[in-house]
Amino acid sequence: MSLVPWNPFRELESFRRQMNSMFDRLPKYYAVKNTFPKINIYQTDNEVILKAEIPGIPKENVDVTI
């Protein structure tokens, strides 16, 4: 039996591959790059209006603070 030197980077590379594999299997709307809701902001004479797509969240549960 031969000894192989321990390489911690090999384990990190394995971990990176496992994480990439996990994220590749998720639906695209769960991917990190798509975590922000689609928003539309516009202004009238009296107010600023923000509309956001937040699926599964009732508007009663949304609180916007400026």
PDB file of N, CA and C in Angstrom:
ATOM      1  N   MET A   1       0.845  -1.169   0.000  1.00  0.00           N
ATOM      2  CA  MET A   1       0.000   0.000   0.000  1.00  0.00           C
ATOM      3  C   MET A   1       0.898   1.242   0.000  1.00  0.00           C
ATOM      4  N   SER A   2       0.619   2.165  -0.899  1.00  0.00           N
ATOM      5  CA  SER A   2       1.416   3.380  -0.956  1.00  0.00           C
ATOM      6  C   SER A   2       0.670   4.517  -0.261  1.00  0.00           C
ATOM      7  N   LEU A   3       1.423   5.416   0.316  1.00  0.00           N
ATOM      8  CA  LEU A   3       0.855   6.577   0.979  1.00  0.00           C
ATOM      9  C   LEU A   3       0.704   7.715  -0.017  1.00  0.00           C
ATOM     10  N   VAL A   4      -0.402   8.418   0.103  1.00  0.00           N
ATOM     11  CA  VAL A   4      -0.661   9.574  -0.752  1.00  0.00           C
ATOM     12  C   VAL A   4      -0.724  10.798   0.151  1.00  0.00           C
ATOM     13  N   PRO A   5       0.021  11.837  -0.161  1.00  0.00           N
ATOM     14  CA  PRO A   5      -0.017  13.032   0.689  1.00  0.00           C
ATOM     15  C   PRO A   5      -1.429  13.639   0.702  1.00  0.00           C
ATOM     16  N   TRP A   6      -1.827  14.110   1.870  1.00  0.00           N
ATOM     17  CA  TRP A   6      -3.138  14.737   2.008  1.00  0.00           C
ATOM     18  C   TRP A   6      -3.127  16.101   1.355  1.00  0.00           C
ATOM     19  N   ASN A   7      -4.126  16.366   0.549  1.00  0.00           N
ATOM     20  CA  ASN A   7      -4.247  17.645  -0.136  1.00  0.00           C
ATOM     21  C   ASN A   7      -5.602  18.247   0.230  1.00  0.00           C
ATOM     22  N   PRO A   8      -5.645  19.249   1.115  1.00  0.00           N
ATOM     23  CA  PRO A   8      -6.934  19.819   1.527  1.00  0.00           C
ATOM     24  C   PRO A   8      -7.686  20.456   0.360  1.00  0.00           C
ATOM     25  N   PHE A   9      -6.984  20.906  -0.651  1.00  0.00           N
ATOM     26  CA  PHE A   9      -7.644  21.539  -1.786  1.00  0.00           C
ATOM     27  C   PHE A   9      -8.444  20.537  -2.611  1.00  0.00           C
ATOM     28  N   ARG A  10      -8.042  19.278  -2.570  1.00  0.00           N
ATOM     29  CA  ARG A  10      -8.798  18.234  -3.265  1.00  0.00           C
ATOM     30  C   ARG A  10     -10.188  18.111  -2.635  1.00  0.00           C
ATOM     31  N   GLU A  11     -10.246  18.177  -1.298  1.00  0.00           N
ATOM     32  CA  GLU A  11     -11.536  18.114  -0.613  1.00  0.00           C
ATOM     33  C   GLU A  11     -12.378  19.351  -0.901  1.00  0.00           C
ATOM     34  N   LEU A  12     -11.750  20.515  -0.958  1.00  0.00           N
ATOM     35  CA  LEU A  12     -12.483  21.732  -1.295  1.00  0.00           C
ATOM     36  C   LEU A  12     -13.028  21.667  -2.720  1.00  0.00           C
ATOM     37  N   GLU A  13     -12.245  21.131  -3.628  1.00  0.00           N
ATOM     38  CA  GLU A  13     -12.697  20.983  -5.013  1.00  0.00           C
ATOM     39  C   GLU A  13     -13.885  20.036  -5.086  1.00  0.00           C
ATOM     40  N   SER A  14     -13.833  18.971  -4.331  1.00  0.00           N
ATOM     41  CA  SER A  14     -14.952  18.027  -4.283  1.00  0.00           C
ATOM     42  C   SER A  14     -16.201  18.715  -3.737  1.00  0.00           C
ATOM     43  N   PHE A  15     -16.038  19.502  -2.682  1.00  0.00           N
ATOM     44  CA  PHE A  15     -17.160  20.244  -2.104  1.00  0.00           C
ATOM     45  C   PHE A  15     -17.743  21.225  -3.126  1.00  0.00           C
ATOM     46  N   ARG A  16     -16.878  21.924  -3.857  1.00  0.00           N
ATOM     47  CA  ARG A  16     -17.335  22.881  -4.870  1.00  0.00           C
ATOM     48  C   ARG A  16     -18.148  22.168  -5.947  1.00  0.00           C
ATOM     49  N   ARG A  17     -17.681  21.010  -6.394  1.00  0.00           N
ATOM     50  CA  ARG A  17     -18.417  20.249  -7.415  1.00  0.00           C
ATOM     51  C   ARG A  17     -19.782  19.807  -6.899  1.00  0.00           C
ATOM     52  N   GLN A  18     -19.831  19.381  -5.637  1.00  0.00           N
ATOM     53  CA  GLN A  18     -21.106  18.965  -5.056  1.00  0.00           C
ATOM     54  C   GLN A  18     -22.081  20.135  -4.958  1.00  0.00           C
ATOM     55  N   MET A  19     -21.591  21.296  -4.548  1.00  0.00           N
ATOM     56  CA  MET A  19     -22.458  22.486  -4.456  1.00  0.00           C
ATOM     57  C   MET A  19     -22.953  22.900  -5.840  1.00  0.00           C
ATOM     58  N   ASN A  20     -22.065  22.901  -6.834  1.00  0.00           N
ATOM     59  CA  ASN A  20     -22.482  23.251  -8.191  1.00  0.00           C
ATOM     60  C   ASN A  20     -23.533  22.281  -8.698  1.00  0.00           C
ATOM     61  N   SER A  21     -23.350  21.007  -8.411  1.00  0.00           N
ATOM     62  CA  SER A  21     -24.311  19.998  -8.835  1.00  0.00           C
ATOM     63  C   SER A  21     -25.667  20.243  -8.182  1.00  0.00           C
ATOM     64  N   MET A  22     -25.664  20.587  -6.895  1.00  0.00           N
ATOM     65  CA  MET A  22     -26.913  20.851  -6.193  1.00  0.00           C
ATOM     66  C   MET A  22     -27.644  22.046  -6.807  1.00  0.00           C
ATOM     67  N   PHE A  23     -26.919  23.140  -7.068  1.00  0.00           N
ATOM     68  CA  PHE A  23     -27.560  24.324  -7.636  1.00  0.00           C
ATOM     69  C   PHE A  23     -28.004  24.087  -9.075  1.00  0.00           C
ATOM     70  N   ASP A  24     -27.295  23.255  -9.816  1.00  0.00           N
ATOM     71  CA  ASP A  24     -27.700  22.952 -11.186  1.00  0.00           C
ATOM     72  C   ASP A  24     -29.018  22.192 -11.229  1.00  0.00           C
ATOM     73  N   ARG A  25     -29.316  21.423 -10.177  1.00  0.00           N
ATOM     74  CA  ARG A  25     -30.553  20.646 -10.147  1.00  0.00           C
ATOM     75  C   ARG A  25     -31.763  21.462  -9.699  1.00  0.00           C
ATOM     76  N   LEU A  26     -31.549  22.618  -9.065  1.00  0.00           N
ATOM     77  CA  LEU A  26     -32.656  23.446  -8.606  1.00  0.00           C
ATOM     78  C   LEU A  26     -33.314  24.146  -9.789  1.00  0.00           C
ATOM     79  N   PRO A  27     -34.619  24.414  -9.687  1.00  0.00           N
ATOM     80  CA  PRO A  27     -35.252  25.230 -10.730  1.00  0.00           C
ATOM     81  C   PRO A  27     -34.558  26.593 -10.796  1.00  0.00           C
ATOM     82  N   LYS A  28     -34.538  27.170 -11.960  1.00  0.00           N
ATOM     83  CA  LYS A  28     -33.774  28.402 -12.170  1.00  0.00           C
ATOM     84  C   LYS A  28     -34.240  29.562 -11.295  1.00  0.00           C
ATOM     85  N   TYR A  29     -35.516  29.595 -10.885  1.00  0.00           N
ATOM     86  CA  TYR A  29     -35.955  30.712 -10.045  1.00  0.00           C
ATOM     87  C   TYR A  29     -35.436  30.619  -8.628  1.00  0.00           C
ATOM     88  N   TYR A  30     -34.808  29.511  -8.252  1.00  0.00           N
ATOM     89  CA  TYR A  30     -34.170  29.408  -6.951  1.00  0.00           C
ATOM     90  C   TYR A  30     -32.689  29.756  -7.009  1.00  0.00           C
ATOM     91  N   ALA A  31     -32.158  29.929  -8.173  1.00  0.00           N
ATOM     92  CA  ALA A  31     -30.729  30.217  -8.307  1.00  0.00           C
ATOM     93  C   ALA A  31     -30.404  31.559  -7.659  1.00  0.00           C
ATOM     94  N   VAL A  32     -29.203  31.674  -7.143  1.00  0.00           N
ATOM     95  CA  VAL A  32     -28.792  32.877  -6.425  1.00  0.00           C
ATOM     96  C   VAL A  32     -28.903  34.111  -7.295  1.00  0.00           C
ATOM     97  N   LYS A  33     -28.555  34.010  -8.544  1.00  0.00           N
ATOM     98  CA  LYS A  33     -28.574  35.197  -9.393  1.00  0.00           C
ATOM     99  C   LYS A  33     -29.989  35.721  -9.633  1.00  0.00           C
ATOM    100  N   ASN A  34     -31.029  34.952  -9.317  1.00  0.00           N
ATOM    101  CA  ASN A  34     -32.406  35.380  -9.547  1.00  0.00           C
ATOM    102  C   ASN A  34     -33.176  35.572  -8.254  1.00  0.00           C
ATOM    103  N   THR A  35     -32.512  35.954  -7.178  1.00  0.00           N
ATOM    104  CA  THR A  35     -33.202  36.069  -5.906  1.00  0.00           C
ATOM    105  C   THR A  35     -33.935  37.384  -5.729  1.00  0.00           C
ATOM    106  N   PHE A  36     -33.725  38.345  -6.591  1.00  0.00           N
ATOM    107  CA  PHE A  36     -34.386  39.631  -6.451  1.00  0.00           C
ATOM    108  C   PHE A  36     -35.683  39.635  -7.239  1.00  0.00           C
ATOM    109  N   PRO A  37     -36.749  40.188  -6.656  1.00  0.00           N
ATOM    110  CA  PRO A  37     -38.018  40.221  -7.390  1.00  0.00           C
ATOM    111  C   PRO A  37     -37.949  41.221  -8.538  1.00  0.00           C
ATOM    112  N   LYS A  38     -38.763  40.967  -9.546  1.00  0.00           N
ATOM    113  CA  LYS A  38     -38.893  41.943 -10.626  1.00  0.00           C
ATOM    114  C   LYS A  38     -39.694  43.116 -10.083  1.00  0.00           C
ATOM    115  N   ILE A  39     -39.177  44.326 -10.295  1.00  0.00           N
ATOM    116  CA  ILE A  39     -39.866  45.504  -9.766  1.00  0.00           C
ATOM    117  C   ILE A  39     -40.034  46.559 -10.848  1.00  0.00           C
ATOM    118  N   ASN A  40     -41.036  47.389 -10.641  1.00  0.00           N
ATOM    119  CA  ASN A  40     -41.291  48.540 -11.499  1.00  0.00           C
ATOM    120  C   ASN A  40     -41.542  49.714 -10.564  1.00  0.00           C
ATOM    121  N   ILE A  41     -40.770  50.773 -10.714  1.00  0.00           N
ATOM    122  CA  ILE A  41     -40.917  51.965  -9.870  1.00  0.00           C
ATOM    123  C   ILE A  41     -41.213  53.149 -10.770  1.00  0.00           C
ATOM    124  N   TYR A  42     -42.245  53.891 -10.399  1.00  0.00           N
ATOM    125  CA  TYR A  42     -42.542  55.103 -11.146  1.00  0.00           C
ATOM    126  C   TYR A  42     -43.115  56.154 -10.214  1.00  0.00           C
ATOM    127  N   GLN A  43     -43.149  57.382 -10.700  1.00  0.00           N
ATOM    128  CA  GLN A  43     -43.556  58.508  -9.873  1.00  0.00           C
ATOM    129  C   GLN A  43     -44.699  59.251 -10.531  1.00  0.00           C
ATOM    130  N   THR A  44     -45.680  59.619  -9.718  1.00  0.00           N
ATOM    131  CA  THR A  44     -46.762  60.496 -10.169  1.00  0.00           C
ATOM    132  C   THR A  44     -46.519  61.860  -9.533  1.00  0.00           C
ATOM    133  N   ASP A  45     -47.452  62.770  -9.686  1.00  0.00           N
ATOM    134  CA  ASP A  45     -47.293  64.090  -9.071  1.00  0.00           C
ATOM    135  C   ASP A  45     -47.274  64.025  -7.546  1.00  0.00           C
ATOM    136  N   ASN A  46     -47.956  63.016  -6.975  1.00  0.00           N
ATOM    137  CA  ASN A  46     -48.112  62.977  -5.525  1.00  0.00           C
ATOM    138  C   ASN A  46     -47.449  61.797  -4.829  1.00  0.00           C
ATOM    139  N   GLU A  47     -46.981  60.806  -5.571  1.00  0.00           N
ATOM    140  CA  GLU A  47     -46.463  59.613  -4.903  1.00  0.00           C
ATOM    141  C   GLU A  47     -45.450  58.873  -5.773  1.00  0.00           C
ATOM    142  N   VAL A  48     -44.676  58.042  -5.119  1.00  0.00           N
ATOM    143  CA  VAL A  48     -43.766  57.114  -5.795  1.00  0.00           C
ATOM    144  C   VAL A  48     -44.390  55.732  -5.652  1.00  0.00           C
ATOM    145  N   ILE A  49     -44.530  55.004  -6.742  1.00  0.00           N
ATOM    146  CA  ILE A  49     -45.195  53.706  -6.741  1.00  0.00           C
ATOM    147  C   ILE A  49     -44.179  52.630  -7.090  1.00  0.00           C
ATOM    148  N   LEU A  50     -44.151  51.583  -6.277  1.00  0.00           N
ATOM    149  CA  LEU A  50     -43.283  50.436  -6.509  1.00  0.00           C
ATOM    150  C   LEU A  50     -44.179  49.214  -6.638  1.00  0.00           C
ATOM    151  N   LYS A  51     -44.042  48.499  -7.749  1.00  0.00           N
ATOM    152  CA  LYS A  51     -44.757  47.239  -7.945  1.00  0.00           C
ATOM    153  C   LYS A  51     -43.714  46.144  -8.068  1.00  0.00           C
ATOM    154  N   ALA A  52     -43.913  45.052  -7.308  1.00  0.00           N
ATOM    155  CA  ALA A  52     -42.939  43.955  -7.297  1.00  0.00           C
ATOM    156  C   ALA A  52     -43.662  42.627  -7.456  1.00  0.00           C
ATOM    157  N   GLU A  53     -43.018  41.695  -8.189  1.00  0.00           N
ATOM    158  CA  GLU A  53     -43.522  40.331  -8.302  1.00  0.00           C
ATOM    159  C   GLU A  53     -42.882  39.514  -7.186  1.00  0.00           C
ATOM    160  N   ILE A  54     -43.693  39.121  -6.210  1.00  0.00           N
ATOM    161  CA  ILE A  54     -43.196  38.313  -5.095  1.00  0.00           C
ATOM    162  C   ILE A  54     -44.144  37.124  -4.955  1.00  0.00           C
ATOM    163  N   PRO A  55     -43.941  36.084  -5.749  1.00  0.00           N
ATOM    164  CA  PRO A  55     -44.852  34.940  -5.732  1.00  0.00           C
ATOM    165  C   PRO A  55     -44.938  34.273  -4.360  1.00  0.00           C
ATOM    166  N   GLY A  56     -46.158  33.940  -3.966  1.00  0.00           N
ATOM    167  CA  GLY A  56     -46.366  33.210  -2.724  1.00  0.00           C
ATOM    168  C   GLY A  56     -46.401  34.066  -1.484  1.00  0.00           C
ATOM    169  N   ILE A  57     -46.227  35.385  -1.609  1.00  0.00           N
ATOM    170  CA  ILE A  57     -46.254  36.280  -0.449  1.00  0.00           C
ATOM    171  C   ILE A  57     -47.483  37.179  -0.577  1.00  0.00           C
ATOM    172  N   PRO A  58     -48.430  37.079   0.345  1.00  0.00           N
ATOM    173  CA  PRO A  58     -49.591  37.977   0.297  1.00  0.00           C
ATOM    174  C   PRO A  58     -49.156  39.424   0.527  1.00  0.00           C
ATOM    175  N   LYS A  59     -49.807  40.357  -0.128  1.00  0.00           N
ATOM    176  CA  LYS A  59     -49.404  41.759   0.011  1.00  0.00           C
ATOM    177  C   LYS A  59     -49.542  42.258   1.442  1.00  0.00           C
ATOM    178  N   GLU A  60     -50.383  41.615   2.238  1.00  0.00           N
ATOM    179  CA  GLU A  60     -50.522  41.997   3.647  1.00  0.00           C
ATOM    180  C   GLU A  60     -49.243  41.693   4.442  1.00  0.00           C
ATOM    181  N   ASN A  61     -48.423  40.778   3.942  1.00  0.00           N
ATOM    182  CA  ASN A  61     -47.186  40.386   4.626  1.00  0.00           C
ATOM    183  C   ASN A  61     -45.958  41.152   4.136  1.00  0.00           C
ATOM    184  N   VAL A  62     -46.159  42.117   3.241  1.00  0.00           N
ATOM    185  CA  VAL A  62     -45.043  42.886   2.694  1.00  0.00           C
ATOM    186  C   VAL A  62     -45.017  44.253   3.372  1.00  0.00           C
ATOM    187  N   ASP A  63     -43.848  44.623   3.881  1.00  0.00           N
ATOM    188  CA  ASP A  63     -43.672  45.921   4.536  1.00  0.00           C
ATOM    189  C   ASP A  63     -42.474  46.605   3.882  1.00  0.00           C
ATOM    190  N   VAL A  64     -42.697  47.778   3.304  1.00  0.00           N
ATOM    191  CA  VAL A  64     -41.619  48.550   2.672  1.00  0.00           C
ATOM    192  C   VAL A  64     -41.349  49.765   3.533  1.00  0.00           C
ATOM    193  N   THR A  65     -40.101  49.921   3.939  1.00  0.00           N
ATOM    194  CA  THR A  65     -39.719  51.049   4.780  1.00  0.00           C
ATOM    195  C   THR A  65     -38.610  51.824   4.085  1.00  0.00           C
ATOM    196  N   ILE A  66     -38.768  53.130   4.070  1.00  0.00           N
ATOM    197  CA  ILE A  66     -37.749  53.998   3.450  1.00  0.00           C
ATOM    198  C   ILE A  66     -37.203  54.924   4.497  1.00  0.00           C
TER     199      ILE A  66
END
